[in-house]
Protein backbone atom coordinates (compact mmCIF):
# COMPACT_ATOMS: atom_id res chain seq x y z
CA MET A 1 0.68 -81.69 -22.26
CA VAL A 2 -0.29 -78.32 -20.48
CA THR A 3 -3.78 -78.63 -18.79
CA THR A 4 -5.82 -75.65 -17.72
CA ARG A 5 -8.69 -74.88 -15.31
CA SER A 6 -10.13 -72.17 -13.17
CA GLU A 7 -9.57 -71.47 -9.75
CA THR A 8 -11.48 -69.27 -7.20
CA VAL A 9 -9.52 -66.46 -5.41
CA SER A 10 -11.20 -65.46 -2.06
CA THR A 11 -10.86 -62.08 -0.37
CA PRO A 12 -12.51 -60.83 2.74
CA ASP A 13 -15.11 -58.71 0.58
CA GLY A 14 -15.67 -61.25 -2.24
CA SER A 15 -14.15 -63.75 -4.68
CA PHE A 16 -13.05 -63.82 -8.26
CA THR A 17 -11.74 -66.28 -10.55
CA ALA A 18 -8.36 -67.00 -12.18
CA HIS A 19 -7.13 -68.96 -15.18
CA VAL A 20 -4.73 -71.57 -14.25
CA ALA A 21 -2.17 -73.56 -16.55
CA ILE A 22 -0.35 -76.63 -15.25
CA PRO A 23 2.91 -78.01 -16.76
CA ASP A 24 3.23 -81.45 -18.24
CA SER A 25 5.38 -82.46 -15.23
CA GLY A 26 2.20 -81.85 -13.06
CA SER A 27 4.07 -79.39 -10.65
CA GLY A 28 6.54 -76.69 -10.44
CA PRO A 29 7.30 -73.30 -9.24
CA GLY A 30 4.36 -70.62 -9.40
CA LEU A 31 4.07 -67.68 -11.54
CA LEU A 32 1.38 -65.09 -11.24
CA VAL A 33 0.56 -63.76 -14.81
CA LEU A 34 -0.90 -60.24 -14.65
CA GLN A 35 -3.22 -59.08 -17.52
CA GLU A 36 -3.20 -56.20 -20.00
CA ILE A 37 -6.01 -53.80 -19.86
CA PHE A 38 -7.94 -56.43 -22.14
CA GLY A 39 -8.54 -58.75 -19.21
CA VAL A 40 -7.80 -62.49 -19.00
CA ASN A 41 -8.19 -62.99 -22.72
CA THR A 42 -6.90 -65.34 -25.48
CA TYR A 43 -3.48 -63.67 -25.34
CA ILE A 44 -3.00 -63.85 -21.44
CA ARG A 45 -4.25 -67.45 -21.41
CA SER A 46 -1.63 -68.26 -24.25
CA VAL A 47 0.91 -66.52 -21.93
CA CYS A 48 -0.07 -68.81 -19.18
CA GLU A 49 0.49 -71.86 -21.60
CA ARG A 50 3.79 -70.68 -22.57
CA VAL A 51 4.89 -70.13 -19.16
CA ALA A 52 3.53 -73.79 -18.28
CA GLU A 53 5.76 -74.99 -21.13
CA LEU A 54 8.77 -73.71 -19.30
CA GLY A 55 7.62 -75.78 -16.20
CA TYR A 56 5.78 -73.26 -14.15
CA VAL A 57 2.17 -73.29 -12.62
CA ALA A 58 0.80 -70.14 -14.05
CA LEU A 59 -2.22 -68.29 -12.45
CA ALA A 60 -3.85 -65.36 -13.96
CA PRO A 61 -6.27 -63.59 -11.94
CA ASP A 62 -9.24 -61.39 -13.10
CA MET A 63 -8.02 -58.09 -11.88
CA PHE A 64 -11.19 -56.22 -13.24
CA TRP A 65 -13.57 -58.40 -11.24
CA ARG A 66 -14.70 -55.53 -8.86
CA SER A 67 -16.22 -53.52 -11.75
CA GLU A 68 -17.01 -56.43 -14.20
CA PRO A 69 -16.24 -59.89 -13.58
CA GLY A 70 -14.99 -61.68 -16.65
CA PHE A 71 -14.41 -58.84 -18.55
CA THR A 72 -12.20 -59.37 -21.72
CA VAL A 73 -11.49 -57.74 -25.05
CA GLU A 74 -10.23 -59.64 -28.05
CA PRO A 75 -8.45 -57.89 -31.00
CA ASP A 76 -11.38 -58.07 -33.42
CA GLU A 77 -13.80 -56.13 -31.20
CA ALA A 78 -14.37 -52.82 -33.14
CA ASP A 79 -14.82 -50.77 -29.92
CA GLY A 80 -12.39 -52.99 -27.86
CA MET A 81 -9.81 -50.34 -27.08
CA ASP A 82 -12.33 -47.75 -25.90
CA ARG A 83 -14.02 -50.45 -23.74
CA ALA A 84 -10.64 -51.38 -22.22
CA MET A 85 -9.49 -47.86 -21.62
CA ALA A 86 -12.71 -46.99 -19.94
CA LYS A 87 -12.37 -50.21 -17.58
CA MET A 88 -8.72 -49.20 -16.94
CA GLY A 89 -9.84 -45.78 -15.99
CA GLY A 90 -12.15 -46.98 -13.42
CA PHE A 91 -9.76 -49.48 -11.79
CA ASP A 92 -9.86 -49.53 -8.15
CA TRP A 93 -6.27 -49.13 -7.20
CA ALA A 94 -7.17 -48.97 -3.50
CA HIS A 95 -7.85 -52.68 -3.56
CA ALA A 96 -5.12 -53.69 -5.78
CA ALA A 97 -2.68 -54.74 -3.11
CA ASN A 98 -5.20 -56.99 -1.32
CA ASP A 99 -6.35 -58.57 -4.57
CA LEU A 100 -2.80 -59.12 -5.81
CA GLY A 101 -1.96 -60.68 -2.25
CA ALA A 102 -5.12 -63.01 -2.34
CA ALA A 103 -4.25 -64.18 -5.88
CA PHE A 104 -0.45 -64.96 -5.11
CA ASP A 105 -1.59 -66.65 -1.81
CA THR A 106 -4.13 -68.81 -4.08
CA LEU A 107 -1.08 -69.66 -6.44
CA GLN A 108 1.29 -70.75 -3.63
CA GLY A 109 -1.60 -72.81 -2.09
CA LEU A 110 -2.17 -74.97 -4.91
CA ASP A 111 -1.14 -78.60 -4.71
CA GLU A 112 0.75 -78.31 -7.99
CA CYS A 113 2.74 -75.16 -6.89
CA ARG A 114 6.19 -76.32 -5.53
CA GLY A 115 9.44 -74.46 -5.10
CA GLY A 116 8.55 -70.76 -4.78
CA ALA A 117 6.55 -68.26 -6.93
CA GLY A 118 7.23 -65.29 -8.98
CA VAL A 119 5.26 -62.68 -10.97
CA MET A 120 4.99 -61.44 -14.49
CA GLY A 121 2.73 -58.91 -16.19
CA PHE A 122 2.20 -57.04 -19.40
CA CYS A 123 1.00 -53.33 -19.81
CA PHE A 124 -1.40 -52.60 -17.02
CA GLY A 125 -0.09 -55.97 -15.63
CA GLY A 126 3.49 -54.79 -16.07
CA THR A 127 2.80 -51.80 -13.41
CA LEU A 128 0.91 -54.40 -11.07
CA THR A 129 3.85 -56.40 -11.22
CA PHE A 130 6.10 -53.63 -9.89
CA HIS A 131 3.45 -53.17 -7.25
CA ALA A 132 3.52 -56.72 -6.46
CA ALA A 133 7.27 -57.00 -6.36
CA ALA A 134 7.08 -54.36 -3.66
CA ASP A 135 4.18 -55.38 -1.67
CA LEU A 136 4.62 -59.28 -1.72
CA ASP A 137 7.58 -61.42 -1.40
CA PRO A 138 7.89 -63.00 -5.01
CA ALA A 139 11.05 -64.89 -5.78
CA VAL A 140 11.36 -63.17 -9.20
CA ALA A 141 9.61 -60.44 -11.25
CA VAL A 142 9.20 -59.71 -14.85
CA SER A 143 7.39 -56.58 -15.90
CA TYR A 144 6.50 -55.87 -19.63
CA TYR A 145 6.15 -52.29 -20.57
CA GLY A 146 4.23 -51.08 -17.39
CA SER A 147 3.34 -47.50 -18.13
CA GLY A 148 2.83 -46.61 -14.52
CA VAL A 149 6.08 -47.87 -13.27
CA ALA A 150 7.95 -44.51 -13.46
CA ASP A 151 5.02 -42.70 -11.46
CA SER A 152 5.35 -45.61 -8.95
CA LEU A 153 8.94 -45.24 -8.07
CA ASP A 154 8.69 -42.94 -5.18
CA ALA A 155 6.04 -45.14 -3.46
CA LYS A 156 7.42 -48.63 -4.41
CA ALA A 157 11.14 -48.75 -5.63
CA GLU A 158 12.77 -49.12 -2.12
CA ALA A 159 10.33 -52.04 -1.12
CA VAL A 160 11.28 -54.12 -4.20
CA ARG A 161 13.80 -56.77 -3.02
CA CYS A 162 13.37 -59.51 -5.76
CA PRO A 163 15.36 -59.77 -8.99
CA ILE A 164 13.39 -57.94 -11.58
CA LEU A 165 13.45 -57.48 -15.24
CA PHE A 166 11.86 -54.76 -17.06
CA HIS A 167 10.97 -54.86 -20.71
CA PHE A 168 10.40 -51.70 -22.88
CA GLY A 169 10.30 -50.84 -26.45
CA ASP A 170 11.97 -47.53 -27.65
CA ASP A 171 8.93 -46.59 -29.97
CA ASP A 172 6.14 -46.92 -27.39
CA PRO A 173 3.63 -44.20 -27.78
CA PHE A 174 1.91 -44.95 -24.39
CA LEU A 175 5.45 -45.06 -22.49
CA PRO A 176 7.70 -42.25 -23.20
CA ASN A 177 11.64 -43.12 -23.24
CA GLU A 178 11.87 -40.52 -20.67
CA HIS A 179 9.97 -42.71 -18.29
CA VAL A 180 12.43 -45.53 -19.09
CA GLU A 181 15.29 -43.26 -18.23
CA ARG A 182 13.57 -42.34 -14.96
CA ILE A 183 13.34 -45.96 -14.04
CA ARG A 184 17.02 -46.56 -15.03
CA ALA A 185 18.21 -43.52 -12.98
CA ARG A 186 16.35 -44.92 -9.92
CA LEU A 187 17.01 -48.62 -10.20
CA GLY A 188 19.54 -49.13 -12.93
CA ASP A 189 22.64 -49.52 -10.93
CA ARG A 190 21.12 -52.28 -8.75
CA PRO A 191 22.65 -55.77 -9.44
CA ASP A 192 19.18 -57.42 -9.24
CA VAL A 193 17.43 -55.11 -11.83
CA THR A 194 17.81 -55.59 -15.40
CA ILE A 195 16.30 -53.13 -18.03
CA ALA A 196 15.87 -54.41 -21.57
CA VAL A 197 14.95 -52.04 -24.44
CA GLN A 198 13.84 -53.47 -27.71
CA ALA A 199 14.80 -51.28 -30.73
CA GLY A 200 11.84 -50.21 -32.98
CA ALA A 201 9.38 -51.89 -30.70
CA GLY A 202 6.21 -50.23 -29.65
CA HIS A 203 3.72 -50.84 -26.79
CA ALA A 204 2.48 -54.49 -26.25
CA PHE A 205 4.90 -55.92 -28.67
CA ASP A 206 4.71 -59.36 -27.12
CA ASN A 207 0.82 -59.45 -28.05
CA SER A 208 1.00 -61.72 -31.13
CA PHE A 209 -2.84 -61.84 -31.22
CA ASN A 210 -3.19 -58.09 -31.88
CA PRO A 211 -1.75 -56.86 -35.20
CA MET A 212 -1.81 -53.33 -33.99
CA PHE A 213 0.94 -54.18 -31.45
CA ALA A 214 2.72 -57.42 -32.33
CA ASN A 215 6.46 -57.28 -33.15
CA PRO A 216 7.70 -60.87 -33.36
CA THR A 217 11.27 -59.94 -33.57
CA ALA A 218 11.20 -57.94 -30.23
CA ALA A 219 8.74 -60.42 -28.65
CA ALA A 220 11.24 -63.25 -29.36
CA ALA A 221 14.19 -61.38 -28.09
CA ALA A 222 12.35 -60.42 -24.83
CA TRP A 223 11.02 -63.77 -24.27
CA GLU A 224 14.32 -65.35 -24.17
CA LEU A 225 15.69 -62.74 -21.86
CA THR A 226 12.46 -63.65 -19.71
CA ARG A 227 13.22 -67.19 -19.83
CA ALA A 228 16.87 -66.67 -18.79
CA HIS A 229 15.86 -64.41 -15.97
CA LEU A 230 13.38 -66.96 -14.75
CA ALA A 231 15.65 -69.96 -15.04
CA ARG A 232 18.36 -68.03 -13.10
CA HIS A 233 16.10 -66.93 -10.18
CA LEU A 234 13.32 -69.45 -10.21
CA PRO A 235 14.44 -72.68 -12.06
CA THR A 236 12.38 -75.48 -13.16
CA ASP A 237 13.32 -78.78 -14.38
CA GLU A 238 12.74 -77.38 -18.07
CA THR A 239 14.90 -74.25 -17.52
CA ALA A 240 17.72 -75.35 -15.08
């Protein structure tokens, strides 16, 4: 049975919380799970549980802690999208690398985390995942529809050394197909880079909690690719 708890992540200028999910085995490799613009909400906590069911110790840090600790938006909130977009617009990118590094160190320092650690993120977190893959030393990375990845290529692409899987939908109003092609042109010939595009899928297609975005067919296909990618590069007893 997956168990969950909160952990505190400490930085030189403050601390913030992170949601943790522990697999039934009690230990395993770690996976940093990075939030959408809606915070560490019900959906992201459910992703942590899915990850733990694969045998990973999942840690989802509150990346908006500097402006509003504990900020979350659920799909049934009438003004949720506006609130989330405003929060994203005020995100302090200057501190992102340090906060990601602190969260990654906290994950690796957990007693239950054994056998290396990777990173996975969605939407805003998909972009953060690309940054983490460049700035940290994860064993593996999975980036779901990171709308800022294409604009980060010049700054980050050459520093990415871990195997990375990118997920996109070909009908994403927030992430033009032209951006996917820019990523493919820059990284697509690398043997450790996989770019998967789900036909007919829009943005945030994995988010089954939000009917505005959910695409169960695309989500299932992408999750199987994710499971196989993680199993290949950061295996657990469940995935090996």
